[in-house]
N, C-alpha and C. Protein backbone atom coordinates (compact mmCIF):
# COMPACT_ATOMS: atom_id res chain seq x y z
N UNK A 1 -25.26 10.56 2.87
CA UNK A 1 -25.00 9.25 3.42
C UNK A 1 -24.61 9.41 4.89
N UNK A 2 -25.31 8.73 5.76
CA UNK A 2 -25.03 8.82 7.19
C UNK A 2 -23.88 7.92 7.56
N UNK A 3 -23.00 8.45 8.38
CA UNK A 3 -21.87 7.65 8.87
C UNK A 3 -22.30 6.92 10.14
N UNK A 4 -21.75 5.74 10.36
CA UNK A 4 -22.08 5.04 11.61
C UNK A 4 -21.47 5.80 12.79
N UNK A 5 -22.08 5.70 13.96
CA UNK A 5 -21.52 6.41 15.11
C UNK A 5 -20.14 5.88 15.46
N UNK A 6 -19.29 6.79 15.91
CA UNK A 6 -17.92 6.41 16.25
C UNK A 6 -17.89 5.76 17.63
N UNK A 7 -17.15 4.68 17.73
CA UNK A 7 -16.96 4.05 19.03
C UNK A 7 -15.88 4.82 19.77
N UNK A 8 -15.91 4.79 21.09
CA UNK A 8 -14.89 5.54 21.83
C UNK A 8 -13.52 4.91 21.64
N UNK A 9 -12.46 5.73 21.76
CA UNK A 9 -11.10 5.18 21.64
C UNK A 9 -10.78 4.27 22.82
N UNK A 10 -9.76 3.45 22.65
CA UNK A 10 -9.34 2.54 23.72
C UNK A 10 -8.86 3.32 24.93
N UNK A 11 -9.08 2.74 26.08
CA UNK A 11 -8.57 3.33 27.32
C UNK A 11 -7.09 3.02 27.48
N UNK A 12 -6.50 3.55 28.53
CA UNK A 12 -5.07 3.39 28.76
C UNK A 12 -4.67 1.93 28.93
N UNK A 13 -5.47 1.17 29.67
CA UNK A 13 -5.12 -0.23 29.93
C UNK A 13 -5.20 -1.07 28.66
N UNK A 14 -6.28 -0.95 27.92
CA UNK A 14 -6.41 -1.76 26.71
C UNK A 14 -5.43 -1.31 25.64
N UNK A 15 -5.17 0.00 25.55
CA UNK A 15 -4.18 0.48 24.58
C UNK A 15 -2.79 -0.04 24.93
N UNK A 16 -2.46 -0.05 26.22
CA UNK A 16 -1.15 -0.57 26.65
C UNK A 16 -1.02 -2.05 26.32
N UNK A 17 -2.10 -2.80 26.55
CA UNK A 17 -2.06 -4.23 26.26
C UNK A 17 -1.86 -4.48 24.76
N UNK A 18 -2.61 -3.76 23.94
CA UNK A 18 -2.47 -3.92 22.48
C UNK A 18 -1.07 -3.53 22.04
N UNK A 19 -0.53 -2.45 22.60
CA UNK A 19 0.83 -2.00 22.23
C UNK A 19 1.87 -3.05 22.61
N UNK A 20 1.73 -3.67 23.77
CA UNK A 20 2.68 -4.71 24.19
C UNK A 20 2.60 -5.91 23.25
N UNK A 21 1.39 -6.29 22.86
CA UNK A 21 1.23 -7.43 21.95
C UNK A 21 1.84 -7.11 20.58
N UNK A 22 1.59 -5.90 20.07
CA UNK A 22 2.16 -5.51 18.77
C UNK A 22 3.69 -5.50 18.86
N UNK A 23 4.23 -4.94 19.95
CA UNK A 23 5.68 -4.90 20.13
C UNK A 23 6.25 -6.31 20.17
N UNK A 24 5.61 -7.20 20.93
CA UNK A 24 6.11 -8.57 21.05
C UNK A 24 6.06 -9.30 19.72
N UNK A 25 4.97 -9.12 18.97
CA UNK A 25 4.86 -9.77 17.67
C UNK A 25 5.90 -9.22 16.70
N UNK A 26 6.27 -7.96 16.86
CA UNK A 26 7.24 -7.35 15.95
C UNK A 26 8.68 -7.67 16.32
N UNK A 27 8.98 -7.94 17.59
CA UNK A 27 10.37 -8.08 18.03
C UNK A 27 10.77 -9.54 18.30
N UNK A 28 9.92 -10.29 18.95
CA UNK A 28 10.30 -11.63 19.41
C UNK A 28 10.70 -12.57 18.28
N UNK A 29 9.99 -12.60 17.14
CA UNK A 29 10.45 -13.51 16.08
C UNK A 29 11.86 -13.20 15.57
N UNK A 30 12.20 -11.92 15.45
CA UNK A 30 13.55 -11.55 15.01
C UNK A 30 14.59 -11.93 16.04
N UNK A 31 14.25 -11.75 17.28
CA UNK A 31 15.15 -12.11 18.36
C UNK A 31 15.39 -13.63 18.35
N UNK A 32 14.32 -14.38 18.17
CA UNK A 32 14.42 -15.83 18.13
C UNK A 32 15.23 -16.30 16.93
N UNK A 33 14.96 -15.71 15.77
CA UNK A 33 15.73 -16.08 14.57
C UNK A 33 17.20 -15.72 14.72
N UNK A 34 17.48 -14.59 15.37
CA UNK A 34 18.87 -14.20 15.62
C UNK A 34 19.58 -15.20 16.51
N UNK A 35 18.89 -15.64 17.56
CA UNK A 35 19.49 -16.64 18.45
C UNK A 35 19.73 -17.96 17.72
N UNK A 36 18.77 -18.35 16.88
CA UNK A 36 18.95 -19.58 16.11
C UNK A 36 20.11 -19.45 15.13
N UNK A 37 20.25 -18.29 14.51
CA UNK A 37 21.35 -18.07 13.57
C UNK A 37 22.69 -18.12 14.29
N UNK A 38 22.74 -17.56 15.50
CA UNK A 38 24.00 -17.61 16.26
C UNK A 38 24.31 -19.05 16.69
N UNK A 39 23.30 -19.77 17.13
CA UNK A 39 23.52 -21.14 17.55
C UNK A 39 23.98 -22.00 16.37
N UNK A 40 23.41 -21.76 15.19
CA UNK A 40 23.75 -22.53 14.01
C UNK A 40 25.15 -22.20 13.49
N UNK A 41 25.48 -20.89 13.48
CA UNK A 41 26.76 -20.48 12.89
C UNK A 41 27.87 -20.29 13.91
N UNK A 42 27.50 -20.03 15.16
CA UNK A 42 28.51 -19.75 16.17
C UNK A 42 29.02 -18.33 16.11
N UNK A 43 28.38 -17.47 15.32
CA UNK A 43 28.81 -16.09 15.12
C UNK A 43 27.83 -15.14 15.80
N UNK A 44 28.29 -14.45 16.83
CA UNK A 44 27.43 -13.52 17.56
C UNK A 44 27.01 -12.32 16.73
N UNK A 45 27.85 -11.93 15.78
CA UNK A 45 27.52 -10.80 14.92
C UNK A 45 26.32 -11.12 14.03
N UNK A 46 26.22 -12.37 13.61
CA UNK A 46 25.09 -12.78 12.78
C UNK A 46 23.78 -12.64 13.56
N UNK A 47 23.81 -12.89 14.86
CA UNK A 47 22.64 -12.70 15.71
C UNK A 47 22.16 -11.25 15.62
N UNK A 48 23.08 -10.31 15.77
CA UNK A 48 22.72 -8.89 15.70
C UNK A 48 22.22 -8.51 14.32
N UNK A 49 22.86 -9.02 13.28
CA UNK A 49 22.44 -8.69 11.92
C UNK A 49 21.01 -9.16 11.63
N UNK A 50 20.71 -10.39 12.02
CA UNK A 50 19.36 -10.94 11.79
C UNK A 50 18.33 -10.17 12.62
N UNK A 51 18.66 -9.91 13.88
CA UNK A 51 17.72 -9.19 14.75
C UNK A 51 17.46 -7.78 14.23
N UNK A 52 18.49 -7.08 13.82
CA UNK A 52 18.32 -5.72 13.31
C UNK A 52 17.59 -5.70 11.97
N UNK A 53 17.85 -6.69 11.11
CA UNK A 53 17.13 -6.77 9.84
C UNK A 53 15.64 -7.01 10.09
N UNK A 54 15.34 -7.87 11.05
CA UNK A 54 13.93 -8.11 11.38
C UNK A 54 13.29 -6.84 11.94
N UNK A 55 14.02 -6.10 12.77
CA UNK A 55 13.49 -4.84 13.31
C UNK A 55 13.21 -3.84 12.19
N UNK A 56 14.11 -3.78 11.22
CA UNK A 56 13.90 -2.87 10.09
C UNK A 56 12.66 -3.27 9.30
N UNK A 57 12.45 -4.56 9.14
CA UNK A 57 11.26 -5.02 8.43
C UNK A 57 9.99 -4.67 9.21
N UNK A 58 10.03 -4.83 10.52
CA UNK A 58 8.87 -4.49 11.35
C UNK A 58 8.57 -2.99 11.29
N UNK A 59 9.62 -2.16 11.30
CA UNK A 59 9.43 -0.71 11.18
C UNK A 59 8.79 -0.39 9.83
N UNK A 60 9.24 -1.05 8.77
CA UNK A 60 8.68 -0.79 7.44
C UNK A 60 7.20 -1.16 7.38
N UNK A 61 6.82 -2.24 8.05
CA UNK A 61 5.42 -2.68 8.03
C UNK A 61 4.55 -1.72 8.86
N UNK A 62 5.01 -1.33 10.03
CA UNK A 62 4.22 -0.47 10.90
C UNK A 62 4.22 1.00 10.48
N UNK A 63 5.19 1.40 9.68
CA UNK A 63 5.38 2.81 9.35
C UNK A 63 4.15 3.45 8.73
N UNK A 64 3.54 2.77 7.81
CA UNK A 64 2.39 3.34 7.10
C UNK A 64 1.25 3.68 8.05
N UNK A 65 1.08 2.88 9.08
CA UNK A 65 -0.03 3.06 10.01
C UNK A 65 0.27 4.06 11.12
N UNK A 66 1.53 4.40 11.31
CA UNK A 66 1.93 5.25 12.44
C UNK A 66 2.50 6.59 12.01
N UNK A 67 2.18 7.04 10.81
CA UNK A 67 2.64 8.33 10.27
C UNK A 67 4.16 8.41 10.13
N UNK A 68 4.76 7.31 9.79
CA UNK A 68 6.17 7.28 9.43
C UNK A 68 6.27 6.88 7.98
N UNK A 69 7.42 7.04 7.41
CA UNK A 69 7.63 6.64 6.02
C UNK A 69 8.40 5.32 6.00
N UNK A 70 8.26 4.59 4.93
CA UNK A 70 8.97 3.31 4.83
C UNK A 70 10.47 3.49 4.88
N UNK A 71 10.95 4.63 4.43
CA UNK A 71 12.40 4.85 4.45
C UNK A 71 12.94 4.95 5.87
N UNK A 72 12.06 5.16 6.85
CA UNK A 72 12.50 5.16 8.24
C UNK A 72 12.92 3.78 8.71
N UNK A 73 12.65 2.77 7.90
CA UNK A 73 13.09 1.42 8.24
C UNK A 73 14.61 1.33 8.30
N UNK A 74 15.31 2.23 7.61
CA UNK A 74 16.78 2.24 7.71
C UNK A 74 17.21 2.49 9.15
N UNK A 75 16.44 3.28 9.89
CA UNK A 75 16.76 3.49 11.30
C UNK A 75 16.53 2.22 12.12
N UNK A 76 15.66 1.35 11.63
CA UNK A 76 15.42 0.08 12.31
C UNK A 76 16.62 -0.83 12.27
N UNK A 77 17.54 -0.58 11.36
CA UNK A 77 18.76 -1.39 11.29
C UNK A 77 19.74 -1.07 12.42
N UNK A 78 19.59 0.09 13.03
CA UNK A 78 20.50 0.50 14.10
C UNK A 78 20.08 -0.25 15.37
N UNK A 79 21.02 -0.95 16.02
CA UNK A 79 20.66 -1.69 17.23
C UNK A 79 20.03 -0.79 18.28
N UNK A 80 18.97 -1.28 18.89
CA UNK A 80 18.18 -0.65 19.94
C UNK A 80 17.35 0.53 19.44
N UNK A 81 17.78 1.27 18.44
CA UNK A 81 16.97 2.35 17.87
C UNK A 81 15.75 1.74 17.18
N UNK A 82 15.94 0.62 16.52
CA UNK A 82 14.83 -0.06 15.87
C UNK A 82 13.78 -0.48 16.87
N UNK A 83 14.20 -0.99 18.01
CA UNK A 83 13.23 -1.39 19.04
C UNK A 83 12.51 -0.18 19.61
N UNK A 84 13.22 0.93 19.74
CA UNK A 84 12.58 2.16 20.21
C UNK A 84 11.50 2.59 19.21
N UNK A 85 11.83 2.58 17.92
CA UNK A 85 10.85 2.95 16.91
C UNK A 85 9.66 1.99 16.90
N UNK A 86 9.92 0.72 17.06
CA UNK A 86 8.83 -0.25 17.10
C UNK A 86 7.93 0.02 18.30
N UNK A 87 8.52 0.34 19.46
CA UNK A 87 7.72 0.64 20.64
C UNK A 87 6.86 1.88 20.41
N UNK A 88 7.43 2.90 19.82
CA UNK A 88 6.68 4.12 19.54
C UNK A 88 5.55 3.84 18.54
N UNK A 89 5.86 3.10 17.49
CA UNK A 89 4.84 2.78 16.49
C UNK A 89 3.77 1.86 17.06
N UNK A 90 4.15 0.93 17.92
CA UNK A 90 3.16 0.05 18.55
C UNK A 90 2.20 0.85 19.40
N UNK A 91 2.71 1.86 20.11
CA UNK A 91 1.85 2.71 20.93
C UNK A 91 0.86 3.46 20.04
N UNK A 92 1.33 3.93 18.90
CA UNK A 92 0.45 4.65 17.99
C UNK A 92 -0.57 3.72 17.34
N UNK A 93 -0.12 2.58 16.88
CA UNK A 93 -1.00 1.63 16.21
C UNK A 93 -2.07 1.11 17.16
N UNK A 94 -1.77 1.05 18.45
CA UNK A 94 -2.72 0.53 19.42
C UNK A 94 -3.95 1.42 19.56
N UNK A 95 -3.90 2.65 19.12
CA UNK A 95 -5.05 3.55 19.23
C UNK A 95 -5.89 3.58 17.96
N UNK A 96 -5.38 3.07 16.87
CA UNK A 96 -6.10 3.15 15.60
C UNK A 96 -7.50 2.60 15.73
N UNK A 97 -8.48 3.15 15.05
CA UNK A 97 -8.44 4.08 13.93
C UNK A 97 -8.32 5.55 14.34
N UNK A 98 -8.21 5.83 15.62
CA UNK A 98 -8.04 7.21 16.06
C UNK A 98 -6.56 7.52 16.18
N UNK A 99 -6.25 8.79 16.21
CA UNK A 99 -4.86 9.23 16.36
C UNK A 99 -4.83 10.34 17.39
N UNK A 100 -3.85 10.32 18.24
CA UNK A 100 -3.65 11.44 19.17
C UNK A 100 -2.40 12.22 18.78
N UNK A 101 -1.95 12.04 17.57
CA UNK A 101 -0.83 12.80 17.02
C UNK A 101 -1.29 13.43 15.71
N UNK A 102 -0.69 14.55 15.39
CA UNK A 102 -1.07 15.26 14.17
C UNK A 102 -0.51 14.54 12.95
N UNK A 103 -1.33 14.35 11.92
CA UNK A 103 -0.84 13.68 10.72
C UNK A 103 0.24 14.50 10.01
N UNK A 104 1.07 13.81 9.24
CA UNK A 104 2.08 14.49 8.43
C UNK A 104 1.39 15.36 7.39
N UNK A 105 2.14 16.25 6.79
CA UNK A 105 1.58 17.17 5.80
C UNK A 105 1.00 16.42 4.60
N UNK A 106 1.64 15.32 4.18
CA UNK A 106 1.12 14.59 3.03
C UNK A 106 -0.06 13.68 3.38
N UNK A 107 -0.39 13.54 4.66
CA UNK A 107 -1.56 12.78 5.09
C UNK A 107 -2.76 13.69 5.38
N UNK A 108 -2.53 14.98 5.40
CA UNK A 108 -3.56 15.91 5.84
C UNK A 108 -4.80 15.90 4.94
N UNK A 109 -4.64 15.56 3.68
CA UNK A 109 -5.77 15.57 2.76
C UNK A 109 -6.83 14.55 3.12
N UNK A 110 -6.45 13.50 3.83
CA UNK A 110 -7.43 12.48 4.20
C UNK A 110 -7.68 12.42 5.71
N UNK A 111 -7.22 13.43 6.43
CA UNK A 111 -7.39 13.47 7.88
C UNK A 111 -8.53 14.40 8.25
N UNK A 112 -9.15 14.12 9.35
CA UNK A 112 -10.15 15.04 9.87
C UNK A 112 -10.02 15.12 11.39
N UNK A 113 -10.17 16.32 11.87
CA UNK A 113 -10.11 16.61 13.30
C UNK A 113 -11.48 16.32 13.87
N UNK A 114 -11.54 15.49 14.89
CA UNK A 114 -12.82 15.12 15.47
C UNK A 114 -13.26 16.17 16.49
N UNK A 115 -14.55 16.34 16.61
CA UNK A 115 -15.10 17.34 17.52
C UNK A 115 -16.05 16.66 18.50
N UNK A 116 -16.65 17.45 19.34
CA UNK A 116 -17.60 16.93 20.32
C UNK A 116 -16.88 16.15 21.41
N UNK A 117 -17.39 14.96 21.70
CA UNK A 117 -16.77 14.13 22.74
C UNK A 117 -15.42 13.58 22.32
N UNK A 118 -15.14 13.62 21.04
CA UNK A 118 -13.89 13.06 20.53
C UNK A 118 -12.82 14.13 20.28
N UNK A 119 -13.03 15.33 20.79
CA UNK A 119 -12.08 16.41 20.54
C UNK A 119 -10.70 16.00 21.06
N UNK A 120 -9.68 16.33 20.29
CA UNK A 120 -8.32 15.95 20.64
C UNK A 120 -7.82 14.77 19.84
N UNK A 121 -8.70 14.16 19.07
CA UNK A 121 -8.32 13.01 18.25
C UNK A 121 -8.47 13.35 16.77
N UNK A 122 -7.68 12.66 15.98
CA UNK A 122 -7.76 12.74 14.52
C UNK A 122 -8.29 11.41 14.03
N UNK A 123 -8.85 11.44 12.86
CA UNK A 123 -9.26 10.21 12.19
C UNK A 123 -8.68 10.28 10.79
N UNK A 124 -7.83 9.36 10.44
CA UNK A 124 -7.21 9.33 9.12
C UNK A 124 -7.35 7.91 8.59
N UNK A 125 -8.24 7.76 7.66
CA UNK A 125 -8.44 6.45 7.06
C UNK A 125 -7.41 6.24 5.98
N UNK A 126 -6.92 5.03 5.89
CA UNK A 126 -5.92 4.71 4.86
C UNK A 126 -6.57 4.82 3.49
N UNK A 127 -5.80 5.28 2.51
CA UNK A 127 -6.38 5.37 1.17
C UNK A 127 -6.69 3.98 0.65
N UNK A 128 -7.69 3.88 -0.23
CA UNK A 128 -8.02 2.56 -0.76
C UNK A 128 -6.88 2.03 -1.64
N UNK A 129 -6.77 0.73 -1.65
CA UNK A 129 -5.77 0.09 -2.50
C UNK A 129 -6.13 0.35 -3.96
N UNK A 130 -5.14 0.58 -4.81
CA UNK A 130 -5.46 0.81 -6.22
C UNK A 130 -6.04 -0.46 -6.84
N UNK A 131 -7.10 -0.25 -7.61
CA UNK A 131 -7.73 -1.39 -8.27
C UNK A 131 -6.95 -1.73 -9.53
N UNK A 132 -6.83 -3.00 -9.84
CA UNK A 132 -6.13 -3.37 -11.08
C UNK A 132 -6.93 -2.90 -12.29
N UNK A 133 -6.21 -2.44 -13.25
CA UNK A 133 -6.87 -1.97 -14.48
C UNK A 133 -7.25 -3.17 -15.34
N UNK A 134 -8.40 -3.05 -15.94
CA UNK A 134 -8.83 -4.10 -16.85
C UNK A 134 -8.40 -3.74 -18.26
N UNK A 135 -7.94 -4.73 -18.96
CA UNK A 135 -7.57 -4.51 -20.36
C UNK A 135 -8.83 -4.60 -21.19
N UNK A 136 -8.95 -3.68 -22.09
CA UNK A 136 -10.08 -3.66 -22.98
C UNK A 136 -9.59 -4.04 -24.36
N UNK A 137 -10.21 -5.05 -24.91
CA UNK A 137 -9.84 -5.51 -26.25
C UNK A 137 -10.65 -4.76 -27.29
N UNK A 138 -9.97 -4.38 -28.31
CA UNK A 138 -10.67 -3.74 -29.42
C UNK A 138 -11.33 -4.82 -30.26
N UNK A 139 -12.58 -4.61 -30.57
CA UNK A 139 -13.29 -5.58 -31.39
C UNK A 139 -13.50 -4.99 -32.78
N UNK A 140 -13.57 -5.82 -33.70
CA UNK A 140 -13.89 -5.26 -35.00
C UNK A 140 -13.11 -5.78 -36.07
């Protein structure tokens, strides 16, 4: 079976733009909800709690695509560390489906090192979603 030709990876400008958009989509809603929570309750601590919880959720969502584990979302709860992780993951996600970082050991089974004009990049396709099992009724 012939594979379709690979398109070139994004350049620096387009990758930066995509990373900024991913970062903004991941951070701004939590920031806005935090401000609304503070305005509603009058408690500045609630602002930080909502913002950090949203950051942890964003880290959990992006983790699978950026060679992180979902458990790293606990680091997203730490103020400013979560935003740093989101920025790093946004930079990585902006290059997908190519990777310029080495996959983790548990991802290596589905990764391939590209050669030729694409040398220096990895390609790691996400595993397929598990199909639901069908129940088989016994007849007779």
